[in-house]
Amino acid sequence: MGKNKNKGSPRNYTLASGVARFSKSAMFHKKAIYKFMKKKAPAKESKKKAVFVEKKIGGAKNGGTRMVRVKKLANDYPTAVKAAKKPFASCQKSHPAKLRS
């Protein structure tokens, strides 16, 4: 089999003006992409999972049932910030200067 003379050269070369030779739609057909594109199946309607579940509570005066989350929420507490260190006051500057007259 002979060597491919087009190997290494682009299918859609640019013309002298910097414009591509073929349009997007022409390249779509030239590459025959439509043959390989998969048909998308209609999306299945998924059942929404319950956020809350009713739980039975024992005890005469507890109301009987409670609505409880299926999945607990994440604890979103900010991290404790350490107190900022005060700049070190040197002994020389830590008291006002006494003026002699």
N, C-alpha and C. Protein backbone atom coordinates (compact mmCIF):
# COMPACT_ATOMS: atom_id res chain seq x y z
N MET A 1 0.84 -1.19 0.00
CA MET A 1 0.00 0.00 0.00
C MET A 1 0.88 1.25 0.00
N GLY A 2 0.52 2.24 -0.79
CA GLY A 2 1.31 3.45 -0.88
C GLY A 2 1.09 4.36 0.32
N LYS A 3 2.00 5.31 0.46
CA LYS A 3 1.90 6.25 1.58
C LYS A 3 0.79 7.26 1.31
N ASN A 4 0.14 7.74 2.40
CA ASN A 4 -0.93 8.72 2.28
C ASN A 4 -0.32 10.09 2.05
N LYS A 5 -0.65 10.70 0.93
CA LYS A 5 -0.06 12.01 0.60
C LYS A 5 -0.59 13.13 1.50
N ASN A 6 -1.78 12.90 2.13
CA ASN A 6 -2.39 13.94 2.96
C ASN A 6 -1.99 13.84 4.43
N LYS A 7 -1.16 12.85 4.77
CA LYS A 7 -0.80 12.64 6.18
C LYS A 7 -0.05 13.87 6.72
N GLY A 8 -0.50 14.36 7.86
CA GLY A 8 0.17 15.51 8.48
C GLY A 8 -0.40 16.85 8.08
N SER A 9 -1.19 16.90 7.03
CA SER A 9 -1.79 18.17 6.63
C SER A 9 -3.23 18.22 7.14
N PRO A 10 -3.69 19.36 7.61
CA PRO A 10 -5.04 19.44 8.18
C PRO A 10 -6.11 19.31 7.09
N ARG A 11 -7.26 18.76 7.50
CA ARG A 11 -8.38 18.64 6.56
C ARG A 11 -8.93 20.01 6.22
N ASN A 12 -9.03 20.85 7.24
CA ASN A 12 -9.62 22.18 7.05
C ASN A 12 -8.50 23.21 7.12
N TYR A 13 -7.85 23.44 6.02
CA TYR A 13 -6.72 24.38 6.01
C TYR A 13 -7.22 25.82 5.91
N THR A 14 -6.37 26.75 6.33
CA THR A 14 -6.76 28.16 6.28
C THR A 14 -6.33 28.77 4.96
N LEU A 15 -7.15 29.65 4.48
CA LEU A 15 -6.85 30.36 3.24
C LEU A 15 -5.91 31.51 3.55
N ALA A 16 -5.46 32.21 2.52
CA ALA A 16 -4.49 33.29 2.68
C ALA A 16 -5.01 34.39 3.60
N SER A 17 -6.31 34.59 3.61
CA SER A 17 -6.89 35.66 4.43
C SER A 17 -7.03 35.27 5.90
N GLY A 18 -6.69 34.02 6.26
CA GLY A 18 -6.80 33.56 7.65
C GLY A 18 -8.13 32.94 7.97
N VAL A 19 -8.97 32.75 6.93
CA VAL A 19 -10.28 32.15 7.12
C VAL A 19 -10.19 30.66 6.78
N ALA A 20 -10.90 29.83 7.55
CA ALA A 20 -10.88 28.39 7.29
C ALA A 20 -11.56 28.08 5.96
N ARG A 21 -11.04 27.08 5.25
CA ARG A 21 -11.54 26.71 3.92
C ARG A 21 -12.98 26.22 3.98
N PHE A 22 -13.28 25.33 4.97
CA PHE A 22 -14.61 24.75 5.08
C PHE A 22 -15.31 25.29 6.32
N SER A 23 -16.63 25.37 6.24
CA SER A 23 -17.42 25.84 7.38
C SER A 23 -17.54 24.72 8.41
N LYS A 24 -18.10 25.04 9.58
CA LYS A 24 -18.31 24.03 10.62
C LYS A 24 -19.22 22.92 10.12
N SER A 25 -20.30 23.31 9.45
CA SER A 25 -21.26 22.30 8.98
C SER A 25 -20.65 21.43 7.89
N ALA A 26 -19.82 22.01 7.05
CA ALA A 26 -19.17 21.23 5.99
C ALA A 26 -18.20 20.22 6.60
N MET A 27 -17.49 20.62 7.65
CA MET A 27 -16.55 19.72 8.33
C MET A 27 -17.29 18.62 9.07
N PHE A 28 -18.46 18.94 9.59
CA PHE A 28 -19.29 17.96 10.29
C PHE A 28 -19.63 16.81 9.34
N HIS A 29 -20.01 17.15 8.11
CA HIS A 29 -20.36 16.13 7.12
C HIS A 29 -19.11 15.46 6.55
N LYS A 30 -18.05 16.22 6.40
CA LYS A 30 -16.80 15.70 5.85
C LYS A 30 -16.23 14.62 6.77
N LYS A 31 -16.31 14.85 8.08
CA LYS A 31 -15.80 13.88 9.06
C LYS A 31 -16.80 12.75 9.31
N ALA A 32 -18.04 12.90 8.84
CA ALA A 32 -19.12 11.92 9.03
C ALA A 32 -19.37 11.65 10.50
N ILE A 33 -19.34 12.71 11.30
CA ILE A 33 -19.57 12.58 12.74
C ILE A 33 -20.99 12.11 13.03
N TYR A 34 -21.92 12.49 12.18
CA TYR A 34 -23.33 12.13 12.41
C TYR A 34 -23.53 10.62 12.45
N LYS A 35 -22.64 9.85 11.84
CA LYS A 35 -22.76 8.40 11.86
C LYS A 35 -22.43 7.82 13.23
N PHE A 36 -21.56 8.50 13.95
CA PHE A 36 -21.06 7.94 15.21
C PHE A 36 -21.69 8.56 16.44
N MET A 37 -22.50 9.60 16.24
CA MET A 37 -23.14 10.23 17.40
C MET A 37 -24.22 9.31 17.94
N LYS A 38 -24.20 9.10 19.25
CA LYS A 38 -25.17 8.21 19.87
C LYS A 38 -26.47 8.98 20.12
N LYS A 39 -27.56 8.28 19.94
CA LYS A 39 -28.86 8.89 20.22
C LYS A 39 -29.06 8.93 21.73
N LYS A 40 -29.49 10.05 22.22
CA LYS A 40 -29.71 10.20 23.66
C LYS A 40 -31.06 9.62 24.04
N ALA A 41 -31.05 8.75 25.04
CA ALA A 41 -32.29 8.16 25.54
C ALA A 41 -32.98 9.19 26.43
N PRO A 42 -34.31 9.22 26.43
CA PRO A 42 -35.00 10.19 27.30
C PRO A 42 -34.66 9.92 28.76
N ALA A 43 -34.46 10.97 29.50
CA ALA A 43 -34.06 10.86 30.91
C ALA A 43 -35.19 10.25 31.72
N LYS A 44 -34.84 9.30 32.57
CA LYS A 44 -35.84 8.65 33.41
C LYS A 44 -36.15 9.54 34.60
N GLU A 45 -37.42 9.61 34.94
CA GLU A 45 -37.82 10.40 36.10
C GLU A 45 -37.51 9.60 37.36
N SER A 46 -36.59 10.12 38.15
CA SER A 46 -36.20 9.40 39.36
C SER A 46 -37.08 9.85 40.53
N LYS A 47 -37.39 8.92 41.40
CA LYS A 47 -38.19 9.26 42.58
C LYS A 47 -37.34 10.06 43.54
N LYS A 48 -37.92 11.13 44.07
CA LYS A 48 -37.19 11.94 45.04
C LYS A 48 -37.21 11.23 46.39
N LYS A 49 -36.01 11.12 46.97
CA LYS A 49 -35.92 10.48 48.28
C LYS A 49 -36.42 11.43 49.34
N ALA A 50 -37.06 10.87 50.35
CA ALA A 50 -37.62 11.69 51.43
C ALA A 50 -36.50 12.30 52.26
N VAL A 51 -36.67 13.56 52.63
CA VAL A 51 -35.69 14.24 53.47
C VAL A 51 -35.97 13.91 54.93
N PHE A 52 -37.25 13.81 55.28
CA PHE A 52 -37.66 13.52 56.64
C PHE A 52 -38.40 12.19 56.71
N VAL A 53 -38.26 11.53 57.86
CA VAL A 53 -38.98 10.29 58.12
C VAL A 53 -39.71 10.45 59.45
N GLU A 54 -40.92 9.92 59.52
CA GLU A 54 -41.70 10.01 60.75
C GLU A 54 -41.29 8.86 61.67
N LYS A 55 -40.86 9.19 62.90
CA LYS A 55 -40.44 8.17 63.86
C LYS A 55 -41.38 8.17 65.05
N LYS A 56 -41.60 6.99 65.55
CA LYS A 56 -42.49 6.83 66.68
C LYS A 56 -41.72 7.15 67.96
N ILE A 57 -42.33 7.95 68.84
CA ILE A 57 -41.71 8.33 70.09
C ILE A 57 -42.54 7.74 71.23
N GLY A 58 -41.84 7.10 72.16
CA GLY A 58 -42.54 6.51 73.30
C GLY A 58 -42.86 7.57 74.35
N GLY A 59 -43.67 7.22 75.30
CA GLY A 59 -44.01 8.16 76.38
C GLY A 59 -45.39 8.72 76.18
N ALA A 60 -46.09 8.90 77.29
CA ALA A 60 -47.49 9.36 77.24
C ALA A 60 -47.61 10.80 76.77
N LYS A 61 -46.68 11.68 77.19
CA LYS A 61 -46.82 13.11 76.90
C LYS A 61 -45.82 13.62 75.86
N ASN A 62 -45.29 12.72 75.02
CA ASN A 62 -44.28 13.15 74.04
C ASN A 62 -44.83 13.39 72.64
N GLY A 63 -46.10 13.31 72.44
CA GLY A 63 -46.69 13.62 71.14
C GLY A 63 -46.79 12.46 70.18
N GLY A 64 -46.17 11.35 70.48
CA GLY A 64 -46.34 10.16 69.63
C GLY A 64 -45.34 10.01 68.49
N THR A 65 -45.19 11.05 67.64
CA THR A 65 -44.28 10.94 66.49
C THR A 65 -43.45 12.21 66.34
N ARG A 66 -42.31 12.05 65.65
CA ARG A 66 -41.43 13.19 65.32
C ARG A 66 -40.97 13.04 63.88
N MET A 67 -40.72 14.16 63.25
CA MET A 67 -40.14 14.14 61.90
C MET A 67 -38.63 14.28 62.06
N VAL A 68 -37.89 13.27 61.61
CA VAL A 68 -36.44 13.24 61.78
C VAL A 68 -35.79 13.19 60.40
N ARG A 69 -34.69 13.90 60.22
CA ARG A 69 -33.97 13.89 58.94
C ARG A 69 -33.39 12.51 58.65
N VAL A 70 -33.45 12.10 57.40
CA VAL A 70 -32.87 10.83 57.01
C VAL A 70 -31.35 10.93 57.09
N LYS A 71 -30.81 12.03 56.57
CA LYS A 71 -29.36 12.25 56.60
C LYS A 71 -29.09 13.50 57.41
N LYS A 72 -28.28 13.37 58.45
CA LYS A 72 -27.99 14.53 59.30
C LYS A 72 -27.20 15.58 58.53
N LEU A 73 -27.43 16.82 58.86
CA LEU A 73 -26.67 17.90 58.25
C LEU A 73 -25.26 17.91 58.82
N ALA A 74 -24.31 18.37 58.02
CA ALA A 74 -22.92 18.45 58.47
C ALA A 74 -22.79 19.57 59.49
N ASN A 75 -21.96 19.35 60.49
CA ASN A 75 -21.71 20.40 61.49
C ASN A 75 -20.87 21.48 60.84
N ASP A 76 -21.42 22.65 60.74
CA ASP A 76 -20.73 23.74 60.07
C ASP A 76 -20.32 24.80 61.09
N TYR A 77 -19.38 24.44 61.93
CA TYR A 77 -18.90 25.38 62.93
C TYR A 77 -17.61 26.01 62.43
N PRO A 78 -17.46 27.32 62.60
CA PRO A 78 -16.18 27.92 62.19
C PRO A 78 -15.06 27.46 63.13
N THR A 79 -13.87 27.36 62.60
CA THR A 79 -12.74 26.92 63.42
C THR A 79 -12.40 28.00 64.44
N ALA A 80 -11.96 27.57 65.60
CA ALA A 80 -11.62 28.52 66.67
C ALA A 80 -10.39 29.31 66.26
N VAL A 81 -10.48 30.62 66.38
CA VAL A 81 -9.37 31.49 66.01
C VAL A 81 -8.56 31.80 67.26
N LYS A 82 -7.26 31.59 67.17
CA LYS A 82 -6.38 31.88 68.30
C LYS A 82 -6.28 33.40 68.47
N ALA A 83 -6.14 33.84 69.73
CA ALA A 83 -5.99 35.26 70.00
C ALA A 83 -4.67 35.72 69.41
N ALA A 84 -4.70 36.89 68.76
CA ALA A 84 -3.50 37.41 68.12
C ALA A 84 -2.48 37.80 69.17
N LYS A 85 -1.22 37.48 68.89
CA LYS A 85 -0.15 37.85 69.82
C LYS A 85 0.07 39.35 69.76
N LYS A 86 0.25 39.94 70.94
CA LYS A 86 0.53 41.37 70.97
C LYS A 86 2.01 41.56 70.67
N PRO A 87 2.35 42.61 69.97
CA PRO A 87 3.77 42.81 69.67
C PRO A 87 4.56 43.01 70.97
N PHE A 88 5.76 42.46 71.01
CA PHE A 88 6.60 42.51 72.21
C PHE A 88 7.03 43.95 72.48
N ALA A 89 6.72 44.42 73.67
CA ALA A 89 7.11 45.78 74.04
C ALA A 89 8.47 45.70 74.73
N SER A 90 9.48 46.36 74.17
CA SER A 90 10.80 46.30 74.79
C SER A 90 10.79 47.13 76.08
N CYS A 91 11.68 46.81 76.99
CA CYS A 91 11.74 47.48 78.28
C CYS A 91 11.98 48.98 78.12
N GLN A 92 12.71 49.34 77.08
CA GLN A 92 13.06 50.74 76.85
C GLN A 92 11.80 51.56 76.55
N LYS A 93 10.91 50.99 75.79
CA LYS A 93 9.74 51.75 75.32
C LYS A 93 8.49 51.51 76.14
N SER A 94 8.55 50.63 77.11
CA SER A 94 7.34 50.26 77.80
C SER A 94 6.86 51.28 78.83
N HIS A 95 7.62 52.34 79.10
CA HIS A 95 7.20 53.39 80.03
C HIS A 95 7.53 54.76 79.45
N PRO A 96 6.78 55.77 79.87
CA PRO A 96 7.07 57.10 79.32
C PRO A 96 8.42 57.63 79.83
N ALA A 97 9.08 58.39 78.97
CA ALA A 97 10.39 58.93 79.36
C ALA A 97 10.19 60.05 80.38
N LYS A 98 11.05 60.07 81.40
CA LYS A 98 11.01 61.14 82.40
C LYS A 98 11.96 62.25 81.96
N LEU A 99 11.41 63.45 81.87
CA LEU A 99 12.22 64.57 81.44
C LEU A 99 12.86 65.26 82.62
N ARG A 100 14.14 65.51 82.54
CA ARG A 100 14.85 66.23 83.61
C ARG A 100 14.98 67.69 83.18
N SER A 101 14.78 68.60 84.10
CA SER A 101 14.95 70.01 83.73
C SER A 101 15.92 70.70 84.65
